[in-house]
Protein backbone atom coordinates (compact mmCIF):
# COMPACT_ATOMS: atom_id res chain seq x y z
CA MET A 1 68.36 -80.46 33.51
CA LYS A 2 65.15 -80.07 35.53
CA LEU A 3 65.21 -83.79 36.36
CA LYS A 4 68.81 -83.48 37.46
CA ARG A 5 68.09 -80.53 39.72
CA LYS A 6 65.07 -82.29 41.21
CA TYR A 7 66.66 -85.60 42.10
CA ILE A 8 70.40 -84.92 42.35
CA ASP A 9 71.69 -82.42 44.87
CA THR A 10 75.04 -80.98 43.81
CA ASP A 11 76.58 -80.58 47.26
CA PRO A 12 75.94 -84.19 48.39
CA MET A 13 77.06 -85.48 44.98
CA MET A 14 80.31 -83.51 45.03
CA SER A 15 80.91 -84.52 48.65
CA THR A 16 80.33 -88.19 47.81
CA ILE A 17 82.71 -88.02 44.86
CA LEU A 18 85.27 -86.40 47.16
CA VAL A 19 84.81 -89.25 49.68
CA PHE A 20 85.71 -91.84 47.04
CA VAL A 21 88.58 -89.75 45.70
CA THR A 22 89.89 -89.71 49.27
CA LEU A 23 89.56 -93.50 49.50
CA VAL A 24 91.55 -93.84 46.28
CA LEU A 25 94.28 -91.43 47.39
CA LEU A 26 94.50 -92.71 50.97
CA PRO A 27 96.81 -95.65 50.09
CA LEU A 28 99.26 -93.17 48.50
CA PHE A 29 99.25 -91.11 51.68
CA LEU A 30 99.81 -94.23 53.78
CA SER A 31 102.67 -95.44 51.58
CA PHE A 32 105.21 -93.44 53.59
CA ASN A 33 107.19 -95.66 55.98
CA PHE A 34 106.03 -93.59 58.92
CA PHE A 35 102.44 -94.70 58.29
CA LEU A 36 103.27 -98.36 57.50
CA PRO A 37 101.59 -99.80 60.65
CA LEU A 38 98.45 -97.78 59.89
CA LYS A 39 98.52 -98.96 56.27
CA ASN A 40 98.84 -102.60 57.34
CA ALA A 41 95.88 -102.22 59.69
CA PHE A 42 93.86 -100.41 57.01
CA TYR A 43 94.40 -103.13 54.40
CA ASP A 44 94.01 -105.99 56.86
CA PHE A 45 90.58 -104.97 58.11
CA ALA A 46 87.50 -106.93 57.09
CA MET A 47 84.07 -106.28 58.53
CA THR A 48 83.33 -110.00 58.47
CA ASP A 49 85.97 -110.56 61.19
CA ILE A 50 83.48 -109.17 63.70
CA ASN A 51 81.24 -112.16 62.95
CA TYR A 52 83.88 -114.60 64.11
CA ALA A 53 85.39 -112.53 66.89
CA LYS A 54 82.30 -111.13 68.60
CA LEU A 55 79.02 -112.44 67.16
CA ARG A 56 79.55 -116.14 66.58
CA SER A 57 79.20 -118.81 69.28
CA PRO A 58 82.14 -121.22 68.79
CA GLU A 59 80.63 -123.79 71.14
CA LYS A 60 77.75 -124.28 68.68
CA GLU A 61 80.12 -125.38 65.91
CA LEU A 62 80.26 -129.16 65.68
CA ALA A 63 83.60 -130.94 65.44
CA ASP A 64 84.60 -132.52 62.13
CA THR A 65 85.36 -136.16 62.89
CA ASN A 66 86.86 -136.80 59.44
CA ILE A 67 90.13 -135.09 60.37
CA VAL A 68 92.82 -135.96 62.94
CA LEU A 69 95.70 -133.58 63.70
CA ILE A 70 98.94 -135.23 64.83
CA ASP A 71 101.82 -133.22 66.30
CA ILE A 72 105.20 -134.39 64.95
CA GLY A 73 107.25 -131.48 66.26
CA GLY A 74 110.88 -132.43 67.02
CA MET A 75 110.61 -135.94 65.56
CA SER A 76 113.60 -137.47 63.80
CA ASN A 77 113.26 -139.41 60.54
CA SER A 78 113.52 -142.65 62.52
CA GLU A 79 110.69 -141.65 64.88
CA LEU A 80 108.56 -140.41 62.00
CA SER A 81 108.96 -143.72 60.16
CA ASP A 82 107.84 -145.61 63.29
CA LEU A 83 104.87 -143.27 63.61
CA LEU A 84 103.84 -143.80 59.98
CA ASN A 85 104.11 -147.58 60.34
CA ILE A 86 101.71 -147.48 63.29
CA LEU A 87 99.30 -145.18 61.45
CA ASN A 88 99.37 -147.39 58.35
CA GLN A 89 98.34 -150.39 60.43
CA ASN A 90 95.11 -148.52 61.29
CA GLU A 91 94.18 -147.96 57.62
CA PRO A 92 93.68 -144.19 57.37
CA ARG A 93 92.06 -142.80 54.23
CA VAL A 94 94.71 -140.11 53.56
CA ILE A 95 97.92 -139.02 55.28
CA GLY A 96 99.06 -135.44 54.71
CA ILE A 97 102.42 -134.25 56.04
CA ASP A 98 102.86 -130.50 56.40
CA LYS A 99 106.61 -130.63 56.83
CA GLU A 100 109.43 -130.69 54.32
CA LEU A 101 111.18 -134.01 54.81
CA ARG A 102 114.98 -133.90 54.55
CA ASP A 103 117.43 -136.79 54.41
CA ASP A 104 119.89 -136.54 57.31
CA ASP A 105 123.19 -138.25 58.16
CA ASP A 106 121.45 -141.43 59.32
CA THR A 107 121.10 -143.38 56.06
CA ALA A 108 119.25 -146.23 57.75
CA ALA A 109 116.67 -143.78 59.17
CA ASN A 110 116.23 -142.16 55.75
CA ASN A 111 115.63 -145.53 54.10
CA SER A 112 113.25 -146.54 56.88
CA LEU A 113 111.23 -143.33 56.42
CA ALA A 114 111.15 -143.79 52.65
CA LYS A 115 109.86 -147.34 53.09
CA ALA A 116 107.17 -146.17 55.55
CA LEU A 117 106.08 -143.50 53.07
CA SER A 118 105.92 -146.06 50.26
CA ASN A 119 103.43 -148.06 52.32
CA VAL A 120 101.02 -145.14 52.67
CA ASN A 121 98.04 -145.74 50.40
CA ARG A 122 97.26 -142.06 49.77
CA LEU A 123 100.07 -139.67 50.66
CA VAL A 124 100.20 -135.88 50.31
CA LEU A 125 103.45 -134.04 51.04
CA SER A 126 103.95 -130.30 51.31
CA ASN A 127 106.04 -127.82 49.41
CA ARG A 128 106.40 -124.06 49.47
CA LEU A 129 106.35 -121.63 46.57
CA ILE A 130 109.29 -119.22 46.47
CA TYR A 131 108.57 -115.64 45.50
CA ASN A 132 111.11 -113.78 43.38
CA GLU A 133 111.34 -110.18 44.57
CA ASP A 134 112.90 -109.05 41.27
CA THR A 135 110.35 -110.56 38.89
CA LYS A 136 107.42 -110.39 41.36
CA LEU A 137 106.55 -113.99 40.43
CA PHE A 138 106.77 -117.47 41.90
CA ASP A 139 109.61 -119.15 40.04
CA SER A 140 110.78 -121.97 42.30
CA ILE A 141 109.50 -124.53 44.77
CA SER A 142 111.00 -125.67 48.05
CA GLU A 143 110.08 -129.31 48.66
CA SER A 144 111.08 -132.52 50.43
CA SER A 145 114.09 -134.53 49.32
CA GLY A 146 113.64 -136.63 46.20
CA ILE A 147 113.98 -139.88 48.13
CA PHE A 148 110.62 -139.07 49.75
CA THR A 149 108.62 -137.10 47.17
CA LYS A 150 108.27 -140.02 44.73
CA TYR A 151 105.81 -141.75 47.03
CA GLY A 152 103.07 -139.12 47.00
CA ILE A 153 101.76 -135.91 45.49
CA SER A 154 102.64 -132.47 46.84
CA GLY A 155 100.70 -129.26 47.46
CA PHE A 156 101.91 -125.80 48.43
CA THR A 157 101.36 -124.61 51.99
CA ASN A 158 101.80 -120.86 51.46
CA GLN A 159 98.77 -119.43 53.25
CA ILE A 160 99.02 -116.07 51.53
CA THR A 161 100.40 -116.63 48.07
CA ILE A 162 101.91 -113.23 47.42
CA ASP A 163 105.31 -111.72 48.16
CA ASP A 164 105.37 -111.26 51.94
CA ARG A 165 102.22 -110.48 53.89
CA SER A 166 102.73 -112.74 56.87
CA HIS A 167 101.34 -109.90 59.01
CA GLU A 168 97.94 -110.17 57.33
CA THR A 169 94.96 -112.21 58.43
CA VAL A 170 94.33 -115.42 56.47
CA ARG A 171 90.74 -115.24 55.24
CA THR A 172 90.97 -116.92 51.84
CA PHE A 173 92.93 -119.62 50.06
CA LYS A 174 93.99 -120.05 46.45
CA ILE A 175 92.37 -122.87 44.49
CA TYR A 176 95.47 -122.86 42.32
CA THR A 177 98.28 -120.55 41.34
CA LYS A 178 100.86 -120.36 38.59
CA VAL A 179 104.58 -120.87 38.97
CA TYR A 180 106.63 -119.31 36.21
CA ALA A 181 109.82 -120.66 34.73
CA GLY A 182 112.81 -118.97 36.35
CA ALA A 183 115.55 -117.28 34.39
CA ASP A 184 118.51 -118.26 36.57
CA SER A 185 120.14 -121.68 36.54
CA GLN A 186 119.16 -124.79 38.49
CA LEU A 187 122.62 -124.83 40.03
CA ALA A 188 122.16 -121.35 41.52
CA ARG A 189 119.19 -122.57 43.57
CA LYS A 190 120.82 -125.59 45.21
CA GLU A 191 122.16 -123.57 48.11
CA THR A 192 118.67 -122.40 49.06
CA GLY A 193 117.19 -125.90 49.04
CA SER A 194 114.66 -124.98 46.37
CA GLN A 195 114.22 -126.24 42.85
CA LEU A 196 113.92 -123.85 39.94
CA VAL A 197 110.83 -124.38 37.82
CA LEU A 198 111.89 -125.20 34.27
CA LYS A 199 108.51 -124.48 32.66
CA ASP A 200 105.36 -122.60 33.60
CA SER A 201 103.00 -124.79 35.58
CA ILE A 202 99.75 -124.68 37.54
CA VAL A 203 100.07 -125.87 41.15
CA HIS A 204 97.45 -126.59 43.83
CA PRO A 205 97.45 -126.04 47.59
CA PHE A 206 98.03 -128.75 50.16
CA PRO A 207 94.37 -128.91 51.38
CA VAL A 208 93.00 -129.32 47.84
CA GLU A 209 95.43 -132.17 47.14
CA VAL A 210 94.39 -133.87 50.40
CA VAL A 211 90.69 -133.69 49.50
CA LEU A 212 91.51 -134.93 46.00
CA MET A 213 92.87 -138.10 47.62
CA PHE A 214 89.90 -138.32 50.02
CA ASP A 215 87.03 -137.64 47.61
CA PRO A 216 87.82 -136.42 44.05
CA GLU A 217 84.20 -135.46 43.46
CA LYS A 218 84.41 -132.80 46.18
CA VAL A 219 87.34 -131.17 44.39
CA GLN A 220 85.46 -131.29 41.11
CA ASN A 221 82.58 -129.45 42.80
CA LEU A 222 85.08 -126.89 44.07
CA TYR A 223 86.44 -126.33 40.55
CA SER A 224 82.91 -126.01 39.16
CA ARG A 225 82.45 -122.83 41.22
CA ASN A 226 84.96 -121.18 38.83
CA ASN A 227 86.68 -119.18 41.55
CA ALA A 228 90.45 -118.73 41.69
CA GLU A 229 90.13 -117.96 45.41
CA GLU A 230 87.67 -118.97 48.11
CA ILE A 231 86.74 -117.47 51.48
CA ILE A 232 87.59 -119.91 54.27
CA ASN A 233 84.59 -120.95 56.34
CA PHE A 234 86.38 -121.43 59.66
CA ARG A 235 84.97 -124.15 61.88
CA GLY A 236 87.40 -123.40 64.70
CA TYR A 237 90.76 -124.20 66.22
CA PHE A 238 92.29 -127.65 66.88
CA ASN A 239 89.51 -128.51 69.36
CA LYS A 240 87.03 -128.79 66.46
CA TYR A 241 88.99 -131.80 65.20
CA PHE A 242 90.56 -134.86 66.77
CA PHE A 243 94.14 -134.13 67.80
CA ILE A 244 96.88 -136.21 69.37
CA ALA A 245 100.62 -135.94 70.10
CA GLY A 246 102.98 -138.08 68.07
CA GLU A 247 104.50 -139.47 71.27
CA GLN A 248 101.10 -140.83 72.25
CA VAL A 249 100.87 -142.68 68.95
CA LEU A 250 104.36 -144.14 69.41
CA ASN A 251 103.31 -145.32 72.87
CA TYR A 252 100.02 -146.76 71.52
CA GLU A 253 98.00 -144.42 73.74
CA PHE A 254 95.01 -144.11 71.41
CA ASN A 255 91.73 -145.74 70.46
CA PRO A 256 92.31 -148.18 67.57
CA ASN A 257 89.33 -146.68 65.71
CA LEU A 258 90.70 -143.14 65.86
CA PHE A 259 92.57 -143.27 62.54
CA ASN A 260 90.55 -145.74 60.47
CA GLY A 261 89.21 -144.15 57.29
CA LYS A 262 90.23 -140.64 58.45
CA ILE A 263 92.32 -137.80 57.05
CA LEU A 264 95.49 -137.62 59.16
CA LEU A 265 97.33 -134.29 59.08
CA LEU A 266 100.87 -134.43 60.45
CA SER A 267 102.69 -131.22 61.35
CA TYR A 268 104.06 -129.16 64.18
CA PHE A 269 101.45 -127.53 66.39
CA ASP A 270 101.22 -126.73 70.06
CA PRO A 271 97.56 -126.78 71.13
CA PHE A 272 98.32 -125.67 74.67
CA ASN A 273 100.67 -122.81 73.70
CA THR A 274 103.63 -124.03 75.71
CA SER A 275 106.11 -122.99 73.00
CA PRO A 276 107.13 -119.37 72.26
CA LEU A 277 107.77 -120.16 68.58
CA PHE A 278 105.44 -118.51 66.07
CA GLY A 279 107.02 -119.66 62.81
CA TYR A 280 104.14 -122.03 62.08
CA LYS A 281 101.34 -119.62 63.07
CA TYR A 282 99.21 -117.11 61.23
CA TYR A 283 96.58 -114.51 62.05
CA SER A 284 93.02 -115.76 61.62
CA PRO A 285 89.57 -114.09 61.82
CA LEU A 286 88.82 -116.22 64.91
CA ASP A 287 91.10 -114.09 67.08
CA SER A 288 88.91 -112.19 69.56
CA ASN A 289 91.28 -109.22 69.18
CA TYR A 290 90.39 -108.56 65.56
CA THR A 291 92.05 -105.12 65.73
CA GLY A 292 95.49 -104.29 67.08
CA LYS A 293 96.77 -107.86 66.89
CA SER A 294 100.18 -108.62 68.36
CA PHE A 295 100.63 -112.40 68.03
CA PRO A 296 99.33 -114.86 65.42
CA ASP A 297 96.71 -117.24 66.78
CA MET A 298 96.36 -120.23 64.42
CA TYR A 299 98.80 -122.87 63.25
CA GLY A 300 99.09 -123.55 59.53
CA ILE A 301 97.87 -127.12 59.99
CA GLU A 302 94.71 -125.81 61.68
CA ILE A 303 94.05 -123.58 58.66
CA HIS A 304 94.53 -126.60 56.38
CA ALA A 305 92.05 -128.56 58.50
CA ASN A 306 89.47 -125.77 58.20
CA VAL A 307 89.89 -125.58 54.42
CA ILE A 308 89.66 -129.38 54.05
CA SER A 309 86.56 -129.50 56.24
CA MET A 310 84.92 -126.74 54.20
CA ILE A 311 85.60 -128.47 50.87
CA ILE A 312 84.39 -131.87 52.11
CA ASN A 313 81.20 -130.43 53.59
CA GLU A 314 80.80 -127.92 50.71
CA ASN A 315 80.11 -125.04 53.10
CA TYR A 316 81.14 -122.29 50.72
CA PHE A 317 80.69 -118.55 50.95
CA ASN A 318 79.71 -116.38 48.00
CA ILE A 319 80.79 -112.77 47.70
CA ILE A 320 79.22 -109.92 45.76
CA PRO A 321 81.48 -108.39 43.06
CA SER A 322 83.65 -105.43 44.04
CA TRP A 323 82.06 -103.17 41.42
CA LEU A 324 78.60 -103.78 42.88
CA ALA A 325 79.89 -103.24 46.43
CA ILE A 326 81.37 -99.88 45.34
CA VAL A 327 78.13 -98.80 43.62
CA LEU A 328 76.08 -99.66 46.72
CA ALA A 329 78.61 -97.88 48.95
CA PHE A 330 78.39 -94.78 46.71
CA ILE A 331 74.59 -94.72 46.89
CA LEU A 332 74.57 -95.19 50.67
CA CYS A 333 77.19 -92.46 51.15
CA TYR A 334 75.23 -90.06 48.93
CA LEU A 335 71.97 -90.65 50.84
CA MET A 336 73.74 -90.10 54.17
CA ILE A 337 75.19 -86.80 52.99
CA VAL A 338 71.76 -85.73 51.71
CA ALA A 339 70.49 -86.33 55.26
CA TYR A 340 73.45 -84.39 56.70
CA LYS A 341 72.70 -81.43 54.42
CA TYR A 342 69.03 -81.44 55.37
CA ILE A 343 69.89 -81.43 59.09
CA ASP A 344 72.56 -78.77 58.55
CA GLY A 345 70.00 -76.52 56.86
CA LYS A 346 66.98 -77.12 59.11
CA TYR A 347 68.45 -78.00 62.52
CA GLN A 348 71.96 -76.58 62.47
CA THR A 349 72.17 -76.42 66.27
CA TRP A 350 71.56 -80.16 66.46
CA TYR A 351 73.73 -81.08 63.50
CA GLU A 352 76.60 -82.81 65.33
CA LEU A 353 74.33 -84.87 67.57
CA LEU A 354 71.91 -85.89 64.81
CA SER A 355 74.70 -86.69 62.34
CA LEU A 356 76.27 -88.93 64.98
CA VAL A 357 72.92 -90.66 65.53
CA ILE A 358 72.59 -91.27 61.77
CA PHE A 359 76.13 -92.67 61.61
CA VAL A 360 75.48 -95.05 64.53
CA MET A 361 72.16 -96.20 63.08
CA VAL A 362 73.63 -96.88 59.64
CA SER A 363 76.62 -98.66 61.20
CA LEU A 364 74.26 -100.94 63.14
CA ILE A 365 72.27 -101.65 59.99
CA LEU A 366 75.48 -102.61 58.17
CA LEU A 367 76.53 -104.78 61.10
CA GLY A 368 73.17 -106.56 61.12
CA ALA A 369 73.21 -107.05 57.34
CA ASN A 370 76.77 -108.32 57.56
CA TYR A 371 75.91 -110.88 60.24
CA TYR A 372 72.63 -112.00 58.66
CA SER A 373 74.06 -112.48 55.18
CA TYR A 374 77.28 -114.13 56.36
CA HIS A 375 75.81 -116.70 58.72
CA LEU A 376 72.33 -117.28 57.33
CA LEU A 377 72.82 -116.74 53.58
CA MET A 378 76.52 -117.70 53.34
CA LEU A 379 77.06 -114.43 51.47
CA ASP A 380 79.80 -111.85 52.00
CA LEU A 381 78.30 -108.46 51.16
CA ASN A 382 81.78 -106.96 50.80
CA LEU A 383 80.85 -104.04 53.05
CA ASN A 384 84.32 -102.62 53.66
CA TYR A 385 83.78 -99.98 50.97
CA ALA A 386 80.50 -98.91 52.54
CA LEU A 387 81.97 -98.79 56.04
CA PHE A 388 84.93 -96.58 55.10
CA ALA A 389 82.65 -94.37 52.98
CA ILE A 390 80.20 -93.65 55.81
CA ILE A 391 83.09 -92.97 58.21
CA LEU A 392 84.38 -90.26 55.86
CA ALA A 393 80.96 -88.93 54.83
CA SER A 394 80.42 -86.37 57.59
CA PRO A 395 83.94 -84.85 57.79
CA ILE A 396 84.23 -84.70 53.99
CA TYR A 397 80.80 -83.05 53.69
CA GLU A 398 81.76 -80.43 56.26
CA ALA A 399 85.13 -79.85 54.63
CA TYR A 400 83.51 -79.43 51.22
CA THR A 401 80.64 -77.14 52.24
CA LYS A 402 82.56 -75.07 54.80
CA SER A 403 85.97 -74.77 53.14
CA ILE A 404 86.42 -76.24 49.66
CA LYS A 405 83.24 -74.92 48.03
CA PRO A 406 83.58 -71.32 49.38
CA LEU A 407 87.23 -71.30 48.29
CA LEU A 408 86.35 -72.45 44.78
CA LEU A 409 83.59 -69.86 44.51
CA ARG A 410 85.99 -67.07 45.51
CA ILE A 411 88.57 -68.27 43.01
CA PHE A 412 86.11 -68.36 40.11
CA LYS A 413 84.57 -65.05 41.18
CA ASN A 414 87.96 -63.33 41.15
CA LYS A 415 88.74 -64.78 37.71
CA SER A 416 85.47 -63.51 36.30
């Protein structure tokens, strides 16, 4: 007991416990529809976003010359087949198509596209996992027509592989996920254009399947990390890769060496933002407005390019476990409240100013540690817990010492 009294101060300890109880209960408070925007912002915040948005110099990031982005927006099956024939002549290493290919009324165009796909040496097509709101599982897959899928492998393009969080920032990608056998019939799914999964299966994302075709050893190294999910090390937007419009390819307006031995990613994207459509875009940490976002900033194909580049170059981030991040946050919060109590007892007149100074200093230390570890050590310190804890530390300490503790003492005194 003497050791406890000497090294552990009850008021700071109780205040710290109350801080973390508040953090646990806060999501319940924010679950009301009225607070939904605040809840979305609360869950979608990551301290590491500041690194990309404010502290990193994008111009210092080198372009990845292994990857070429090709815009195929608005192309018919006939035009796409012509495009693929031209690309095939230039001997690319891999062609990945982030678009579900459908057979249309033009049978000749469908057959021409199928033939062009059959000539691709290494072809990766895309599909999309369908989330069942009732079972809370993926139980079906939306994919290209069968006339096309037999010529390549497919990978899912869902950037956030959970029910519906399209409003959230894409920071990670799944190495794999599981699709569970659906309970309803195959016939019931034909109207939606998706195929019911008849047995449980493990599926892999589009970027991983592309790298598997490019260099299988890189994917094996990815698997050896034993992570189900990886943080994306963003190189940048489309300008960090070669990019070209499909019309330019059809008109032979390109350097013959542009495609040779490269990964070609075909999809819809608008690098100059001339289109108001946002169906293909997501929020990314590269957005300079990392808080209060209104419009998504990165096309899905750009995210795929960043993931592929990271896997090929093996520029992976590590992250400290959540339990360790919580323990460190608890210790930091406790030490801050010990300092607050000391100031409150010795320099009460200066309490508000000095507590603010402590908060600013600790915040800057966290910011520096976050930047140093993320960019120099490739380590995510998982500091969100610490940040929210130190934000609540001062008001919770004041609430406990000025209101909660005196109230509890009066209650127990009256009972005795």
